[in-house]
């Protein structure tokens, strides 16, 4: 498998999952500005959407969208229990959490990267994001991980997005349970290895 990635993007979460599962893979860096891969190809020929992450399978199929990629990877090694079995109620709850992260946390912070965003809009996005973080604070004050007491693909995804908060001087310390959670996830060997490779 080949994982197309760029630093400081959500492609970190599939890399964490690949490391957790011990699956062989090749990392291919993409320049987000030029849309060229490190070996000179046009990334849009691989993923017409033009953004990472993209996972190219050995059969040539390309899977995009982080939450889809990490669930696919988890299902390759169900014994690792990074995702509950497909069709089960716990899997639906995991998908619920992945959708919340995508639509409220990831999509909530992403506009702040736009330097042309007017200050009034920036304030609206920021305040909405802070309200959504209260939901995570409540959940993580009751358990060690997003969906229970075991690490899942949702934790790899949330950890990735939390890493962006520092770019906007948003201190995780205002949510003590989230801050403690972020430190726990950061200590995992799979995460440390991914952080070193994802540059």
N, C-alpha and C. Protein backbone atom coordinates (compact mmCIF):
# COMPACT_ATOMS: atom_id res chain seq x y z
N UNK A 1 0.84 -1.20 0.00
CA UNK A 1 0.00 0.00 0.00
C UNK A 1 0.87 1.24 0.00
N UNK A 2 0.32 2.30 -0.61
CA UNK A 2 1.01 3.58 -0.63
C UNK A 2 0.10 4.62 0.02
N UNK A 3 0.64 5.34 0.99
CA UNK A 3 -0.11 6.41 1.62
C UNK A 3 0.47 7.74 1.15
N UNK A 4 -0.36 8.52 0.49
CA UNK A 4 0.03 9.85 0.04
C UNK A 4 -0.30 10.82 1.17
N UNK A 5 0.69 11.62 1.55
CA UNK A 5 0.53 12.46 2.73
C UNK A 5 1.17 13.83 2.51
N UNK A 6 0.83 14.75 3.39
CA UNK A 6 1.50 16.04 3.49
C UNK A 6 1.58 16.38 4.97
N UNK A 7 2.66 17.02 5.39
CA UNK A 7 2.78 17.38 6.81
C UNK A 7 1.65 18.29 7.28
N UNK A 8 1.28 18.15 8.54
CA UNK A 8 0.26 18.99 9.19
C UNK A 8 -1.11 18.84 8.53
N UNK A 9 -1.40 17.64 8.05
CA UNK A 9 -2.71 17.38 7.45
C UNK A 9 -3.32 16.15 8.11
N UNK A 10 -4.56 15.86 7.73
CA UNK A 10 -5.25 14.72 8.32
C UNK A 10 -4.72 13.38 7.82
N UNK A 11 -3.73 13.39 6.92
CA UNK A 11 -3.12 12.12 6.51
C UNK A 11 -2.32 11.49 7.64
N UNK A 12 -2.13 12.22 8.74
CA UNK A 12 -1.44 11.65 9.89
C UNK A 12 -2.24 10.49 10.49
N UNK A 13 -3.56 10.59 10.53
CA UNK A 13 -4.35 9.54 11.19
C UNK A 13 -4.24 8.18 10.49
N UNK A 14 -4.29 8.08 9.15
CA UNK A 14 -4.07 6.77 8.54
C UNK A 14 -2.67 6.22 8.82
N UNK A 15 -1.69 7.10 8.92
CA UNK A 15 -0.34 6.63 9.22
C UNK A 15 -0.27 6.06 10.64
N UNK A 16 -0.93 6.71 11.57
CA UNK A 16 -0.99 6.17 12.94
C UNK A 16 -1.62 4.79 12.91
N UNK A 17 -2.72 4.64 12.18
CA UNK A 17 -3.43 3.36 12.12
C UNK A 17 -2.56 2.29 11.44
N UNK A 18 -1.89 2.65 10.37
CA UNK A 18 -0.98 1.70 9.72
C UNK A 18 0.08 1.22 10.70
N UNK A 19 0.62 2.14 11.50
CA UNK A 19 1.62 1.77 12.50
C UNK A 19 1.03 0.88 13.58
N UNK A 20 -0.16 1.22 14.04
CA UNK A 20 -0.83 0.40 15.07
C UNK A 20 -1.02 -1.04 14.59
N UNK A 21 -1.36 -1.17 13.32
CA UNK A 21 -1.65 -2.49 12.76
C UNK A 21 -0.40 -3.22 12.28
N UNK A 22 0.71 -2.51 12.16
CA UNK A 22 1.93 -3.13 11.65
C UNK A 22 1.84 -3.52 10.19
N UNK A 23 1.06 -2.78 9.42
CA UNK A 23 0.88 -3.10 8.00
C UNK A 23 1.99 -2.45 7.17
N UNK A 24 2.57 -3.21 6.24
CA UNK A 24 3.62 -2.62 5.39
C UNK A 24 3.03 -1.55 4.48
N UNK A 25 3.78 -0.48 4.32
CA UNK A 25 3.29 0.62 3.50
C UNK A 25 4.45 1.48 3.04
N UNK A 26 4.18 2.24 1.99
CA UNK A 26 5.15 3.21 1.47
C UNK A 26 4.54 4.59 1.63
N UNK A 27 5.32 5.52 2.14
CA UNK A 27 4.86 6.90 2.28
C UNK A 27 5.32 7.71 1.08
N UNK A 28 4.40 8.45 0.49
CA UNK A 28 4.74 9.32 -0.64
C UNK A 28 4.26 10.73 -0.30
N UNK A 29 5.21 11.64 -0.20
CA UNK A 29 4.90 13.01 0.18
C UNK A 29 4.31 13.79 -0.99
N UNK A 30 3.34 14.63 -0.68
CA UNK A 30 2.68 15.48 -1.67
C UNK A 30 2.88 16.94 -1.28
N UNK A 31 3.23 17.76 -2.23
CA UNK A 31 3.31 19.20 -2.01
C UNK A 31 1.91 19.77 -2.19
N UNK A 32 1.34 20.28 -1.11
CA UNK A 32 -0.03 20.77 -1.17
C UNK A 32 -0.20 22.00 -2.06
N UNK A 33 0.88 22.73 -2.28
CA UNK A 33 0.78 23.93 -3.12
C UNK A 33 0.83 23.58 -4.60
N UNK A 34 1.80 22.76 -4.98
CA UNK A 34 1.98 22.44 -6.40
C UNK A 34 1.18 21.22 -6.84
N UNK A 35 0.70 20.43 -5.87
CA UNK A 35 -0.02 19.18 -6.15
C UNK A 35 0.86 18.17 -6.88
N UNK A 36 2.15 18.21 -6.58
CA UNK A 36 3.10 17.24 -7.13
C UNK A 36 3.55 16.30 -6.04
N UNK A 37 3.75 15.04 -6.40
CA UNK A 37 4.30 14.08 -5.45
C UNK A 37 5.81 14.25 -5.39
N UNK A 38 6.41 13.65 -4.38
CA UNK A 38 7.86 13.77 -4.21
C UNK A 38 8.61 13.21 -5.41
N UNK A 39 8.00 12.26 -6.13
CA UNK A 39 8.65 11.69 -7.31
C UNK A 39 8.20 12.39 -8.61
N UNK A 40 7.55 13.56 -8.48
CA UNK A 40 7.28 14.40 -9.64
C UNK A 40 5.96 14.19 -10.35
N UNK A 41 5.11 13.31 -9.84
CA UNK A 41 3.82 13.08 -10.51
C UNK A 41 2.79 14.13 -10.10
N UNK A 42 1.77 14.27 -10.95
CA UNK A 42 0.65 15.14 -10.64
C UNK A 42 -0.27 14.38 -9.69
N UNK A 43 -0.38 14.86 -8.47
CA UNK A 43 -1.18 14.15 -7.47
C UNK A 43 -2.65 14.07 -7.87
N UNK A 44 -3.11 15.05 -8.65
CA UNK A 44 -4.52 15.03 -9.06
C UNK A 44 -4.85 13.87 -9.99
N UNK A 45 -3.82 13.28 -10.60
CA UNK A 45 -4.05 12.07 -11.40
C UNK A 45 -4.29 10.87 -10.50
N UNK A 46 -3.85 10.95 -9.27
CA UNK A 46 -4.05 9.88 -8.29
C UNK A 46 -5.35 10.13 -7.52
N UNK A 47 -5.52 11.36 -7.06
CA UNK A 47 -6.74 11.76 -6.37
C UNK A 47 -7.24 13.06 -6.99
N UNK A 48 -8.26 12.99 -7.84
CA UNK A 48 -8.76 14.19 -8.50
C UNK A 48 -9.22 15.28 -7.54
N UNK A 49 -9.51 14.92 -6.29
CA UNK A 49 -9.90 15.93 -5.30
C UNK A 49 -8.73 16.84 -4.97
N UNK A 50 -7.51 16.34 -5.16
CA UNK A 50 -6.33 17.17 -4.98
C UNK A 50 -5.81 17.30 -3.57
N UNK A 51 -6.39 16.54 -2.63
CA UNK A 51 -5.90 16.64 -1.26
C UNK A 51 -5.64 15.27 -0.67
N UNK A 52 -4.78 15.27 0.34
CA UNK A 52 -4.46 14.05 1.06
C UNK A 52 -5.46 13.91 2.22
N UNK A 53 -5.62 12.71 2.71
CA UNK A 53 -4.88 11.49 2.46
C UNK A 53 -5.49 10.72 1.27
N UNK A 54 -4.62 9.91 0.66
CA UNK A 54 -5.07 8.96 -0.35
C UNK A 54 -4.29 7.68 -0.10
N UNK A 55 -4.98 6.58 -0.14
CA UNK A 55 -4.36 5.27 0.06
C UNK A 55 -4.48 4.49 -1.23
N UNK A 56 -3.34 4.18 -1.83
CA UNK A 56 -3.33 3.38 -3.06
C UNK A 56 -3.07 1.93 -2.69
N UNK A 57 -4.02 1.07 -3.06
CA UNK A 57 -3.92 -0.35 -2.73
C UNK A 57 -3.06 -1.07 -3.75
N UNK A 58 -2.65 -2.26 -3.41
CA UNK A 58 -1.79 -3.04 -4.30
C UNK A 58 -2.46 -3.37 -5.62
N UNK A 59 -3.82 -3.37 -5.64
CA UNK A 59 -4.54 -3.67 -6.88
C UNK A 59 -4.79 -2.42 -7.73
N UNK A 60 -4.24 -1.27 -7.27
CA UNK A 60 -4.39 -0.03 -8.03
C UNK A 60 -5.55 0.85 -7.60
N UNK A 61 -6.46 0.31 -6.81
CA UNK A 61 -7.58 1.13 -6.31
C UNK A 61 -7.03 2.22 -5.40
N UNK A 62 -7.67 3.38 -5.42
CA UNK A 62 -7.29 4.49 -4.55
C UNK A 62 -8.48 4.85 -3.68
N UNK A 63 -8.24 4.87 -2.38
CA UNK A 63 -9.27 5.23 -1.41
C UNK A 63 -8.92 6.58 -0.83
N UNK A 64 -9.91 7.47 -0.78
CA UNK A 64 -9.69 8.80 -0.21
C UNK A 64 -10.65 9.01 0.96
N UNK A 65 -10.47 10.14 1.64
CA UNK A 65 -11.24 10.54 2.81
C UNK A 65 -10.78 9.75 4.04
N UNK A 66 -10.15 10.48 4.95
CA UNK A 66 -9.54 9.88 6.12
C UNK A 66 -10.41 8.91 6.90
N UNK A 67 -11.65 9.27 7.27
CA UNK A 67 -12.47 8.33 8.03
C UNK A 67 -12.74 7.02 7.29
N UNK A 68 -12.88 7.08 5.97
CA UNK A 68 -13.07 5.85 5.19
C UNK A 68 -11.79 5.02 5.18
N UNK A 69 -10.65 5.70 5.00
CA UNK A 69 -9.37 5.00 4.96
C UNK A 69 -9.10 4.28 6.27
N UNK A 70 -9.28 4.97 7.39
CA UNK A 70 -8.92 4.34 8.67
C UNK A 70 -9.86 3.18 9.03
N UNK A 71 -11.12 3.27 8.62
CA UNK A 71 -12.00 2.13 8.86
C UNK A 71 -11.63 0.95 7.97
N UNK A 72 -11.29 1.24 6.73
CA UNK A 72 -10.85 0.17 5.83
C UNK A 72 -9.63 -0.53 6.41
N UNK A 73 -8.66 0.25 6.86
CA UNK A 73 -7.45 -0.34 7.44
C UNK A 73 -7.76 -1.18 8.67
N UNK A 74 -8.60 -0.66 9.54
CA UNK A 74 -8.96 -1.40 10.76
C UNK A 74 -9.58 -2.74 10.42
N UNK A 75 -10.39 -2.78 9.36
CA UNK A 75 -11.06 -4.03 8.99
C UNK A 75 -10.12 -5.04 8.36
N UNK A 76 -8.92 -4.60 7.95
CA UNK A 76 -7.94 -5.55 7.43
C UNK A 76 -7.39 -6.45 8.53
N UNK A 77 -7.39 -5.95 9.75
CA UNK A 77 -6.89 -6.71 10.90
C UNK A 77 -7.87 -6.57 12.06
N UNK A 78 -9.03 -7.21 11.95
CA UNK A 78 -10.05 -7.03 12.98
C UNK A 78 -9.60 -7.46 14.37
N UNK A 79 -8.61 -8.38 14.41
CA UNK A 79 -8.14 -8.85 15.71
C UNK A 79 -7.46 -7.74 16.52
N UNK A 80 -7.03 -6.67 15.84
CA UNK A 80 -6.41 -5.54 16.55
C UNK A 80 -7.44 -4.68 17.27
N UNK A 81 -8.71 -4.82 16.91
CA UNK A 81 -9.83 -4.14 17.56
C UNK A 81 -9.70 -2.62 17.53
N UNK A 82 -9.21 -2.09 16.40
CA UNK A 82 -9.19 -0.64 16.24
C UNK A 82 -10.54 -0.10 15.79
N UNK A 83 -11.42 -1.00 15.40
CA UNK A 83 -12.81 -0.66 15.09
C UNK A 83 -13.66 -1.88 15.39
N UNK A 84 -14.86 -1.68 15.93
CA UNK A 84 -15.76 -2.81 16.17
C UNK A 84 -16.18 -3.45 14.84
N UNK A 85 -16.72 -4.65 14.90
CA UNK A 85 -17.12 -5.34 13.66
C UNK A 85 -18.16 -4.54 12.86
N UNK A 86 -18.03 -4.54 11.53
CA UNK A 86 -19.02 -3.85 10.69
C UNK A 86 -20.43 -4.37 10.98
N UNK A 87 -21.38 -3.46 11.02
CA UNK A 87 -22.77 -3.83 11.24
C UNK A 87 -23.16 -3.90 12.71
N UNK A 88 -22.19 -3.84 13.61
CA UNK A 88 -22.50 -3.91 15.03
C UNK A 88 -22.89 -2.53 15.56
N UNK A 89 -23.60 -2.52 16.68
CA UNK A 89 -23.98 -1.24 17.29
C UNK A 89 -22.75 -0.43 17.71
N UNK A 90 -21.72 -1.05 18.31
CA UNK A 90 -20.51 -0.27 18.63
C UNK A 90 -19.87 0.35 17.39
N UNK A 91 -19.96 -0.32 16.22
CA UNK A 91 -19.40 0.26 14.99
C UNK A 91 -20.19 1.51 14.60
N UNK A 92 -21.50 1.46 14.75
CA UNK A 92 -22.32 2.62 14.44
C UNK A 92 -21.93 3.79 15.35
N UNK A 93 -21.68 3.49 16.63
CA UNK A 93 -21.26 4.54 17.56
C UNK A 93 -19.89 5.11 17.16
N UNK A 94 -18.99 4.26 16.69
CA UNK A 94 -17.70 4.73 16.20
C UNK A 94 -17.90 5.64 15.00
N UNK A 95 -18.77 5.25 14.07
CA UNK A 95 -19.04 6.06 12.89
C UNK A 95 -19.68 7.39 13.28
N UNK A 96 -20.51 7.36 14.29
CA UNK A 96 -21.11 8.59 14.81
C UNK A 96 -20.01 9.55 15.28
N UNK A 97 -19.04 9.02 16.02
CA UNK A 97 -17.95 9.85 16.52
C UNK A 97 -17.07 10.35 15.37
N UNK A 98 -16.77 9.48 14.41
CA UNK A 98 -15.97 9.91 13.25
C UNK A 98 -16.67 11.04 12.49
N UNK A 99 -17.98 10.94 12.35
CA UNK A 99 -18.72 11.99 11.66
C UNK A 99 -18.71 13.29 12.45
N UNK A 100 -18.79 13.19 13.77
CA UNK A 100 -18.72 14.40 14.60
C UNK A 100 -17.36 15.07 14.45
N UNK A 101 -16.30 14.28 14.48
CA UNK A 101 -14.96 14.85 14.32
C UNK A 101 -14.84 15.52 12.95
N UNK A 102 -15.32 14.83 11.91
CA UNK A 102 -15.23 15.37 10.55
C UNK A 102 -16.00 16.67 10.39
N UNK A 103 -17.26 16.65 10.79
CA UNK A 103 -18.14 17.78 10.49
C UNK A 103 -18.02 18.93 11.47
N UNK A 104 -17.63 18.64 12.72
CA UNK A 104 -17.62 19.70 13.72
C UNK A 104 -16.23 20.15 14.15
N UNK A 105 -15.29 19.23 14.26
CA UNK A 105 -13.95 19.60 14.72
C UNK A 105 -13.03 19.89 13.53
N UNK A 106 -12.92 18.92 12.62
CA UNK A 106 -12.08 19.10 11.43
C UNK A 106 -12.61 20.27 10.59
N UNK A 107 -13.88 20.20 10.22
CA UNK A 107 -14.45 21.27 9.39
C UNK A 107 -14.57 22.57 10.17
N UNK A 108 -14.57 22.48 11.50
CA UNK A 108 -14.65 23.69 12.31
C UNK A 108 -13.36 24.48 12.35
N UNK A 109 -12.24 23.78 12.35
CA UNK A 109 -10.95 24.47 12.43
C UNK A 109 -10.35 24.76 11.05
N UNK A 110 -10.70 23.96 10.06
CA UNK A 110 -10.09 24.10 8.73
C UNK A 110 -10.20 25.51 8.15
N UNK A 111 -11.34 26.22 8.27
CA UNK A 111 -11.41 27.56 7.69
C UNK A 111 -10.39 28.53 8.28
N UNK A 112 -9.95 28.28 9.50
CA UNK A 112 -9.00 29.20 10.15
C UNK A 112 -7.65 29.22 9.44
N UNK A 113 -7.38 28.19 8.64
CA UNK A 113 -6.13 28.17 7.87
C UNK A 113 -6.15 29.16 6.71
N UNK A 114 -7.33 29.65 6.35
CA UNK A 114 -7.47 30.57 5.21
C UNK A 114 -7.08 31.98 5.64
N UNK A 115 -5.95 32.50 5.16
CA UNK A 115 -5.52 33.84 5.59
C UNK A 115 -6.45 34.95 5.11
N UNK A 116 -7.30 34.67 4.12
CA UNK A 116 -8.20 35.69 3.59
C UNK A 116 -9.55 35.71 4.31
N UNK A 117 -9.72 34.82 5.30
CA UNK A 117 -10.98 34.78 6.03
C UNK A 117 -11.14 36.07 6.84
N UNK A 118 -12.24 36.79 6.67
CA UNK A 118 -12.44 38.03 7.43
C UNK A 118 -12.47 37.75 8.93
N UNK A 119 -12.06 38.72 9.71
CA UNK A 119 -11.99 38.55 11.16
C UNK A 119 -13.33 38.16 11.77
N UNK A 120 -14.41 38.73 11.25
CA UNK A 120 -15.74 38.41 11.80
C UNK A 120 -16.07 36.94 11.58
N UNK A 121 -15.77 36.43 10.41
CA UNK A 121 -16.01 35.01 10.12
C UNK A 121 -15.09 34.14 10.95
N UNK A 122 -13.84 34.56 11.10
CA UNK A 122 -12.88 33.82 11.91
C UNK A 122 -13.39 33.67 13.35
N UNK A 123 -13.95 34.74 13.88
CA UNK A 123 -14.49 34.71 15.25
C UNK A 123 -15.65 33.73 15.35
N UNK A 124 -16.52 33.75 14.35
CA UNK A 124 -17.68 32.83 14.35
C UNK A 124 -17.21 31.38 14.34
N UNK A 125 -16.28 31.05 13.44
CA UNK A 125 -15.77 29.67 13.36
C UNK A 125 -15.09 29.26 14.66
N UNK A 126 -14.31 30.16 15.20
CA UNK A 126 -13.57 29.85 16.42
C UNK A 126 -14.52 29.59 17.59
N UNK A 127 -15.53 30.45 17.76
CA UNK A 127 -16.47 30.28 18.87
C UNK A 127 -17.29 29.01 18.72
N UNK A 128 -17.65 28.69 17.49
CA UNK A 128 -18.40 27.45 17.26
C UNK A 128 -17.54 26.23 17.59
N UNK A 129 -16.27 26.29 17.19
CA UNK A 129 -15.36 25.19 17.50
C UNK A 129 -15.23 25.00 19.00
N UNK A 130 -15.10 26.10 19.74
CA UNK A 130 -14.96 25.99 21.19
C UNK A 130 -16.19 25.36 21.83
N UNK A 131 -17.36 25.65 21.29
CA UNK A 131 -18.59 25.02 21.80
C UNK A 131 -18.58 23.51 21.54
N UNK A 132 -18.12 23.11 20.35
CA UNK A 132 -18.07 21.68 20.03
C UNK A 132 -17.05 20.95 20.89
N UNK A 133 -15.98 21.65 21.26
CA UNK A 133 -14.97 21.03 22.11
C UNK A 133 -15.53 20.68 23.48
N UNK A 134 -16.54 21.40 23.92
CA UNK A 134 -17.17 21.09 25.21
C UNK A 134 -17.80 19.70 25.19
N UNK A 135 -18.28 19.28 24.03
CA UNK A 135 -18.85 17.93 23.89
C UNK A 135 -17.76 16.88 24.12
N UNK A 136 -16.59 17.12 23.53
CA UNK A 136 -15.48 16.17 23.70
C UNK A 136 -14.97 16.18 25.13
N UNK A 137 -14.94 17.35 25.74
CA UNK A 137 -14.49 17.44 27.13
C UNK A 137 -15.39 16.59 28.04
N UNK A 138 -16.68 16.69 27.81
CA UNK A 138 -17.61 15.90 28.63
C UNK A 138 -17.40 14.41 28.40
N UNK A 139 -17.27 14.01 27.15
CA UNK A 139 -17.09 12.59 26.84
C UNK A 139 -15.79 12.06 27.44
N UNK A 140 -14.71 12.82 27.31
CA UNK A 140 -13.41 12.33 27.76
C UNK A 140 -13.21 12.48 29.26
N UNK A 141 -14.11 13.17 29.91
CA UNK A 141 -14.05 13.20 31.38
C UNK A 141 -14.65 11.93 31.97
N UNK A 142 -15.31 11.14 31.11
CA UNK A 142 -15.97 9.91 31.58
C UNK A 142 -15.26 8.64 31.13
N UNK A 143 -14.31 8.76 30.19
CA UNK A 143 -13.61 7.58 29.69
C UNK A 143 -12.26 7.99 29.13
N UNK A 144 -11.39 7.00 28.93
CA UNK A 144 -10.02 7.27 28.50
C UNK A 144 -9.90 7.55 27.01
N UNK A 145 -10.84 7.03 26.22
CA UNK A 145 -10.81 7.21 24.77
C UNK A 145 -12.19 7.61 24.29
N UNK A 146 -12.29 7.95 23.02
CA UNK A 146 -13.53 8.53 22.52
C UNK A 146 -14.73 7.60 22.63
N UNK A 147 -14.53 6.32 22.37
CA UNK A 147 -15.68 5.41 22.36
C UNK A 147 -15.64 4.39 23.49
N UNK A 148 -14.76 4.58 24.45
CA UNK A 148 -14.66 3.65 25.57
C UNK A 148 -13.29 3.75 26.19
N UNK A 149 -12.78 2.62 26.66
CA UNK A 149 -11.48 2.62 27.32
C UNK A 149 -10.38 2.00 26.47
N UNK A 150 -10.66 1.80 25.17
CA UNK A 150 -9.65 1.25 24.27
C UNK A 150 -9.44 2.19 23.09
N UNK A 151 -8.20 2.26 22.63
CA UNK A 151 -7.84 3.09 21.48
C UNK A 151 -8.51 2.56 20.22
N UNK A 152 -9.08 3.46 19.44
CA UNK A 152 -9.68 3.10 18.15
C UNK A 152 -9.21 4.10 17.08
N UNK A 153 -9.66 3.86 15.87
CA UNK A 153 -9.31 4.77 14.76
C UNK A 153 -9.81 6.18 15.02
N UNK A 154 -10.90 6.33 15.77
CA UNK A 154 -11.42 7.66 16.08
C UNK A 154 -10.40 8.46 16.88
N UNK A 155 -9.67 7.79 17.74
CA UNK A 155 -8.66 8.48 18.54
C UNK A 155 -7.50 8.94 17.66
N UNK A 156 -7.13 8.15 16.68
CA UNK A 156 -6.08 8.56 15.75
C UNK A 156 -6.50 9.81 15.00
N UNK A 157 -7.77 9.88 14.62
CA UNK A 157 -8.28 11.02 13.86
C UNK A 157 -8.35 12.27 14.74
N UNK A 158 -8.93 12.15 15.92
CA UNK A 158 -9.06 13.32 16.78
C UNK A 158 -7.68 13.85 17.17
N UNK A 159 -6.76 12.96 17.51
CA UNK A 159 -5.41 13.39 17.87
C UNK A 159 -4.80 14.24 16.74
N UNK A 160 -5.00 13.81 15.52
CA UNK A 160 -4.48 14.54 14.36
C UNK A 160 -5.02 15.96 14.32
N UNK A 161 -6.32 16.11 14.50
CA UNK A 161 -6.94 17.44 14.41
C UNK A 161 -6.54 18.31 15.60
N UNK A 162 -6.42 17.72 16.78
CA UNK A 162 -6.01 18.50 17.95
C UNK A 162 -4.63 19.11 17.76
N UNK A 163 -3.81 18.46 16.96
CA UNK A 163 -2.47 18.99 16.68
C UNK A 163 -2.49 20.31 15.94
N UNK A 164 -3.61 20.67 15.33
CA UNK A 164 -3.71 21.93 14.59
C UNK A 164 -4.03 23.11 15.49
N UNK A 165 -4.51 22.86 16.70
CA UNK A 165 -4.96 23.94 17.56
C UNK A 165 -3.83 24.92 17.87
N UNK A 166 -2.61 24.41 17.96
CA UNK A 166 -1.47 25.28 18.30
C UNK A 166 -1.22 26.34 17.23
N UNK A 167 -1.63 26.08 16.01
CA UNK A 167 -1.43 27.07 14.94
C UNK A 167 -2.28 28.32 15.15
N UNK A 168 -3.31 28.21 15.99
CA UNK A 168 -4.23 29.33 16.21
C UNK A 168 -4.26 29.76 17.68
N UNK A 169 -3.21 29.37 18.41
CA UNK A 169 -3.08 29.73 19.83
C UNK A 169 -4.32 29.33 20.63
N UNK A 170 -4.88 28.18 20.29
CA UNK A 170 -5.99 27.63 21.07
C UNK A 170 -5.39 26.61 22.02
N UNK A 171 -5.40 26.92 23.30
CA UNK A 171 -4.78 26.08 24.31
C UNK A 171 -5.71 24.94 24.71
N UNK A 172 -5.21 23.72 24.59
CA UNK A 172 -6.02 22.57 25.01
C UNK A 172 -6.23 22.55 26.51
N UNK A 173 -5.41 23.26 27.25
CA UNK A 173 -5.52 23.25 28.71
C UNK A 173 -6.86 23.78 29.21
N UNK A 174 -7.59 24.49 28.36
CA UNK A 174 -8.92 24.96 28.79
C UNK A 174 -9.93 23.82 28.86
N UNK A 175 -9.54 22.67 28.32
CA UNK A 175 -10.34 21.45 28.43
C UNK A 175 -9.44 20.39 29.07
N UNK A 176 -9.41 20.29 30.39
CA UNK A 176 -8.45 19.41 31.07
C UNK A 176 -8.51 17.95 30.64
N UNK A 177 -9.71 17.44 30.42
CA UNK A 177 -9.83 16.03 30.03
C UNK A 177 -9.28 15.83 28.61
N UNK A 178 -9.52 16.78 27.73
CA UNK A 178 -9.00 16.70 26.36
C UNK A 178 -7.48 16.81 26.38
N UNK A 179 -6.94 17.72 27.18
CA UNK A 179 -5.49 17.89 27.27
C UNK A 179 -4.81 16.62 27.78
N UNK A 180 -5.41 16.00 28.81
CA UNK A 180 -4.84 14.75 29.35
C UNK A 180 -4.93 13.64 28.31
N UNK A 181 -6.03 13.59 27.59
CA UNK A 181 -6.23 12.61 26.52
C UNK A 181 -5.18 12.78 25.43
N UNK A 182 -4.95 14.01 25.00
CA UNK A 182 -3.98 14.28 23.95
C UNK A 182 -2.59 13.78 24.35
N UNK A 183 -2.24 13.96 25.62
CA UNK A 183 -0.93 13.49 26.10
C UNK A 183 -0.86 11.96 26.10
N UNK A 184 -1.96 11.31 26.48
CA UNK A 184 -2.00 9.83 26.47
C UNK A 184 -1.81 9.29 25.06
N UNK A 185 -2.51 9.89 24.11
CA UNK A 185 -2.40 9.42 22.72
C UNK A 185 -1.01 9.69 22.19
N UNK A 186 -0.44 10.86 22.49
CA UNK A 186 0.89 11.23 22.01
C UNK A 186 1.96 10.26 22.49
N UNK A 187 1.73 9.60 23.60
CA UNK A 187 2.72 8.69 24.17
C UNK A 187 2.74 7.33 23.50
N UNK A 188 1.75 7.05 22.67
CA UNK A 188 1.70 5.74 22.02
C UNK A 188 2.85 5.61 21.01
N UNK A 189 3.54 4.46 20.98
CA UNK A 189 4.64 4.28 20.03
C UNK A 189 4.21 4.50 18.58
N UNK A 190 3.01 4.07 18.23
CA UNK A 190 2.53 4.23 16.85
C UNK A 190 2.41 5.71 16.48
N UNK A 191 2.01 6.51 17.45
CA UNK A 191 1.85 7.94 17.22
C UNK A 191 3.22 8.61 17.12
N UNK A 192 4.12 8.24 18.00
CA UNK A 192 5.46 8.83 17.97
C UNK A 192 6.16 8.52 16.65
N UNK A 193 6.02 7.28 16.20
CA UNK A 193 6.64 6.90 14.91
C UNK A 193 6.00 7.67 13.76
N UNK A 194 4.68 7.84 13.80
CA UNK A 194 4.00 8.57 12.74
C UNK A 194 4.42 10.04 12.72
N UNK A 195 4.56 10.63 13.88
CA UNK A 195 4.96 12.03 13.96
C UNK A 195 6.36 12.23 13.38
N UNK A 196 7.24 11.28 13.61
CA UNK A 196 8.61 11.38 13.08
C UNK A 196 8.64 11.22 11.56
N UNK A 197 7.75 10.37 11.04
CA UNK A 197 7.74 10.10 9.60
C UNK A 197 6.95 11.14 8.81
N UNK A 198 6.00 11.79 9.45
CA UNK A 198 5.02 12.68 8.80
C UNK A 198 5.58 14.10 8.71
N UNK A 199 6.77 14.23 8.11
CA UNK A 199 7.39 15.56 8.02
C UNK A 199 7.73 15.85 6.55
